[in-house]
C-alpha atoms as a PDB file:
ATOM      1  CA  MET A   1     -41.768 -25.625 128.638  1.00  0.00           C
ATOM      2  CA  ARG A   2     -38.003 -25.480 128.456  1.00  0.00           C
ATOM      3  CA  LEU A   3     -36.947 -22.452 126.442  1.00  0.00           C
ATOM      4  CA  THR A   4     -33.635 -22.638 124.615  1.00  0.00           C
ATOM      5  CA  ALA A   5     -31.290 -19.775 123.791  1.00  0.00           C
ATOM      6  CA  GLU A   6     -31.853 -20.540 120.123  1.00  0.00           C
ATOM      7  CA  GLN A   7     -35.637 -20.243 120.507  1.00  0.00           C
ATOM      8  CA  LEU A   8     -35.249 -16.981 122.396  1.00  0.00           C
ATOM      9  CA  ARG A   9     -33.084 -15.439 119.657  1.00  0.00           C
ATOM     10  CA  ALA A  10     -35.370 -16.718 116.895  1.00  0.00           C
ATOM     11  CA  ALA A  11     -38.542 -15.545 118.643  1.00  0.00           C
ATOM     12  CA  ARG A  12     -37.208 -12.035 119.120  1.00  0.00           C
ATOM     13  CA  ALA A  13     -36.126 -11.916 115.478  1.00  0.00           C
ATOM     14  CA  LEU A  14     -39.573 -13.092 114.283  1.00  0.00           C
ATOM     15  CA  VAL A  15     -41.304 -10.150 115.920  1.00  0.00           C
ATOM     16  CA  LYS A  16     -38.486  -7.722 115.046  1.00  0.00           C
ATOM     17  CA  MET A  17     -38.016  -6.635 118.638  1.00  0.00           C
ATOM     18  CA  GLU A  18     -34.766  -5.185 119.941  1.00  0.00           C
ATOM     19  CA  GLN A  19     -33.217  -6.618 123.090  1.00  0.00           C
ATOM     20  CA  ARG A  20     -33.889  -3.489 125.124  1.00  0.00           C
ATOM     21  CA  ALA A  21     -37.585  -3.472 124.134  1.00  0.00           C
ATOM     22  CA  LEU A  22     -38.043  -7.132 125.054  1.00  0.00           C
ATOM     23  CA  ALA A  23     -36.211  -6.672 128.342  1.00  0.00           C
ATOM     24  CA  GLU A  24     -38.451  -3.723 129.233  1.00  0.00           C
ATOM     25  CA  ARG A  25     -41.661  -5.547 128.299  1.00  0.00           C
ATOM     26  CA  ALA A  26     -40.623  -8.566 130.330  1.00  0.00           C
ATOM     27  CA  GLY A  27     -39.257  -6.587 133.258  1.00  0.00           C
ATOM     28  CA  VAL A  28     -35.885  -8.296 132.887  1.00  0.00           C
ATOM     29  CA  ASN A  29     -32.473  -6.635 132.971  1.00  0.00           C
ATOM     30  CA  VAL A  30     -31.140  -6.244 129.414  1.00  0.00           C
ATOM     31  CA  GLN A  31     -27.813  -7.781 130.493  1.00  0.00           C
ATOM     32  CA  THR A  32     -29.692 -10.886 131.655  1.00  0.00           C
ATOM     33  CA  LEU A  33     -31.384 -11.139 128.264  1.00  0.00           C
ATOM     34  CA  LYS A  34     -28.043 -10.757 126.482  1.00  0.00           C
ATOM     35  CA  ARG A  35     -26.555 -13.510 128.646  1.00  0.00           C
ATOM     36  CA  TYR A  36     -29.480 -15.823 127.863  1.00  0.00           C
ATOM     37  CA  GLU A  37     -29.265 -15.151 124.125  1.00  0.00           C
ATOM     38  CA  GLY A  38     -25.491 -15.603 124.119  1.00  0.00           C
ATOM     39  CA  GLY A  39     -25.735 -19.172 125.330  1.00  0.00           C
ATOM     40  CA  SER A  40     -26.898 -22.367 123.704  1.00  0.00           C
ATOM     41  CA  GLY A  41     -29.354 -25.025 124.742  1.00  0.00           C
ATOM     42  CA  PRO A  42     -31.953 -24.814 127.508  1.00  0.00           C
ATOM     43  CA  LEU A  43     -31.933 -21.610 129.531  1.00  0.00           C
ATOM     44  CA  THR A  44     -30.912 -21.907 133.137  1.00  0.00           C
ATOM     45  CA  GLY A  45     -31.315 -19.306 135.793  1.00  0.00           C
ATOM     46  CA  ASN A  46     -34.188 -17.444 137.349  1.00  0.00           C
ATOM     47  CA  HIS A  47     -37.439 -19.182 136.391  1.00  0.00           C
ATOM     48  CA  GLN A  48     -39.399 -15.921 136.778  1.00  0.00           C
ATOM     49  CA  ASN A  49     -37.164 -14.143 134.240  1.00  0.00           C
ATOM     50  CA  VAL A  50     -37.579 -16.927 131.690  1.00  0.00           C
ATOM     51  CA  SER A  51     -41.349 -17.034 132.241  1.00  0.00           C
ATOM     52  CA  ALA A  52     -41.573 -13.257 131.835  1.00  0.00           C
ATOM     53  CA  LEU A  53     -39.655 -13.397 128.547  1.00  0.00           C
ATOM     54  CA  ILE A  54     -41.913 -16.171 127.254  1.00  0.00           C
ATOM     55  CA  ALA A  55     -45.035 -14.196 128.225  1.00  0.00           C
ATOM     56  CA  ALA A  56     -43.782 -11.000 126.561  1.00  0.00           C
ATOM     57  CA  LEU A  57     -42.922 -12.821 123.341  1.00  0.00           C
ATOM     58  CA  GLU A  58     -46.217 -14.722 123.308  1.00  0.00           C
ATOM     59  CA  ALA A  59     -48.072 -11.420 123.740  1.00  0.00           C
ATOM     60  CA  ALA A  60     -46.158 -10.157 120.694  1.00  0.00           C
ATOM     61  CA  GLY A  61     -47.368 -13.123 118.628  1.00  0.00           C
ATOM     62  CA  VAL A  62     -44.809 -15.891 119.111  1.00  0.00           C
ATOM     63  CA  LEU A  63     -45.805 -19.533 119.540  1.00  0.00           C
ATOM     64  CA  PHE A  64     -43.191 -21.755 121.124  1.00  0.00           C
ATOM     65  CA  LEU A  65     -42.977 -25.343 119.896  1.00  0.00           C
ATOM     66  CA  ASP A  66     -41.670 -28.164 122.058  1.00  0.00           C
ATOM     67  CA  ASP A  67     -39.487 -30.930 120.675  1.00  0.00           C
ATOM     68  CA  GLY A  68     -41.495 -32.812 118.028  1.00  0.00           C
ATOM     69  CA  GLN A  69     -44.591 -30.633 118.388  1.00  0.00           C
ATOM     70  CA  GLN A  70     -46.462 -30.112 115.077  1.00  0.00           C
ATOM     71  CA  VAL A  71     -43.405 -31.116 113.049  1.00  0.00           C
ATOM     72  CA  ASP A  72     -40.766 -33.796 113.148  1.00  0.00           C
ATOM     73  CA  GLY A  73     -37.886 -31.914 114.669  1.00  0.00           C
ATOM     74  CA  GLY A  74     -36.508 -30.121 117.661  1.00  0.00           C
ATOM     75  CA  PRO A  75     -37.904 -27.185 119.588  1.00  0.00           C
ATOM     76  CA  GLY A  76     -38.766 -24.076 117.595  1.00  0.00           C
ATOM     77  CA  VAL A  77     -40.865 -20.953 117.224  1.00  0.00           C
ATOM     78  CA  ARG A  78     -43.477 -19.641 114.828  1.00  0.00           C
ATOM     79  CA  LEU A  79     -45.814 -16.696 114.537  1.00  0.00           C
ATOM     80  CA  ALA A  80     -49.400 -17.028 115.674  1.00  0.00           C
ATOM     81  CA  ARG A  81     -52.203 -16.413 113.223  1.00  0.00           C
ATOM     82  CA  GLU A  82     -53.538 -12.875 113.453  1.00  0.00           C
ATOM     83  CA  GLN A  83     -56.919 -14.115 114.702  1.00  0.00           C
ATOM     84  CA  ALA A  84     -55.218 -15.818 117.651  1.00  0.00           C
ATOM     85  CA  LEU A  85     -53.504 -12.568 118.619  1.00  0.00           C
ATOM     86  CA  ALA A  86     -56.559 -10.314 118.746  1.00  0.00           C
ATOM     87  CA  PRO A  87     -57.662 -11.243 122.269  1.00  0.00           C
ATOM     88  CA  LYS A  88     -54.093 -11.061 123.597  1.00  0.00           C
ATOM     89  CA  ILE A  89     -53.062  -7.668 122.302  1.00  0.00           C
ATOM     90  CA  GLY A  90     -56.399  -6.034 121.588  1.00  0.00           C
ATOM     91  CA  SER A  91     -55.680  -5.216 117.968  1.00  0.00           C
ATOM     92  CA  GLY A  92     -58.393  -7.350 116.415  1.00  0.00           C
ATOM     93  CA  THR A  93     -61.871  -6.387 115.407  1.00  0.00           C
ATOM     94  CA  ARG A  94     -64.974  -8.131 116.630  1.00  0.00           C
ATOM     95  CA  HIS A  95     -67.651  -9.369 114.258  1.00  0.00           C
ATOM     96  CA  ILE A  96     -71.183  -9.427 115.589  1.00  0.00           C
ATOM     97  CA  ASP A  97     -73.924 -11.241 113.708  1.00  0.00           C
ATOM     98  CA  VAL A  98     -77.224  -9.375 113.716  1.00  0.00           C
END
């Protein structure tokens, strides 16, 4: 997936996460994150940094959409349903039929 600066800014806003918190969770320098967010279009640079940011945001509940995926339009972001998050972040409850 090619992450854009616009998706990165929108994703962080969706989960109400400050830059410093995202940088720490992803293990990325906060100045690197600021540089990425300050740009436009597809992110260029260290692939590991971009992958780490994507993973941290996905763990927080963000779904990244590629161009034309699920809607007629460009790349975007949305929040995952709560049920989809439970296995990722361990906040869900399990239902056991008896």
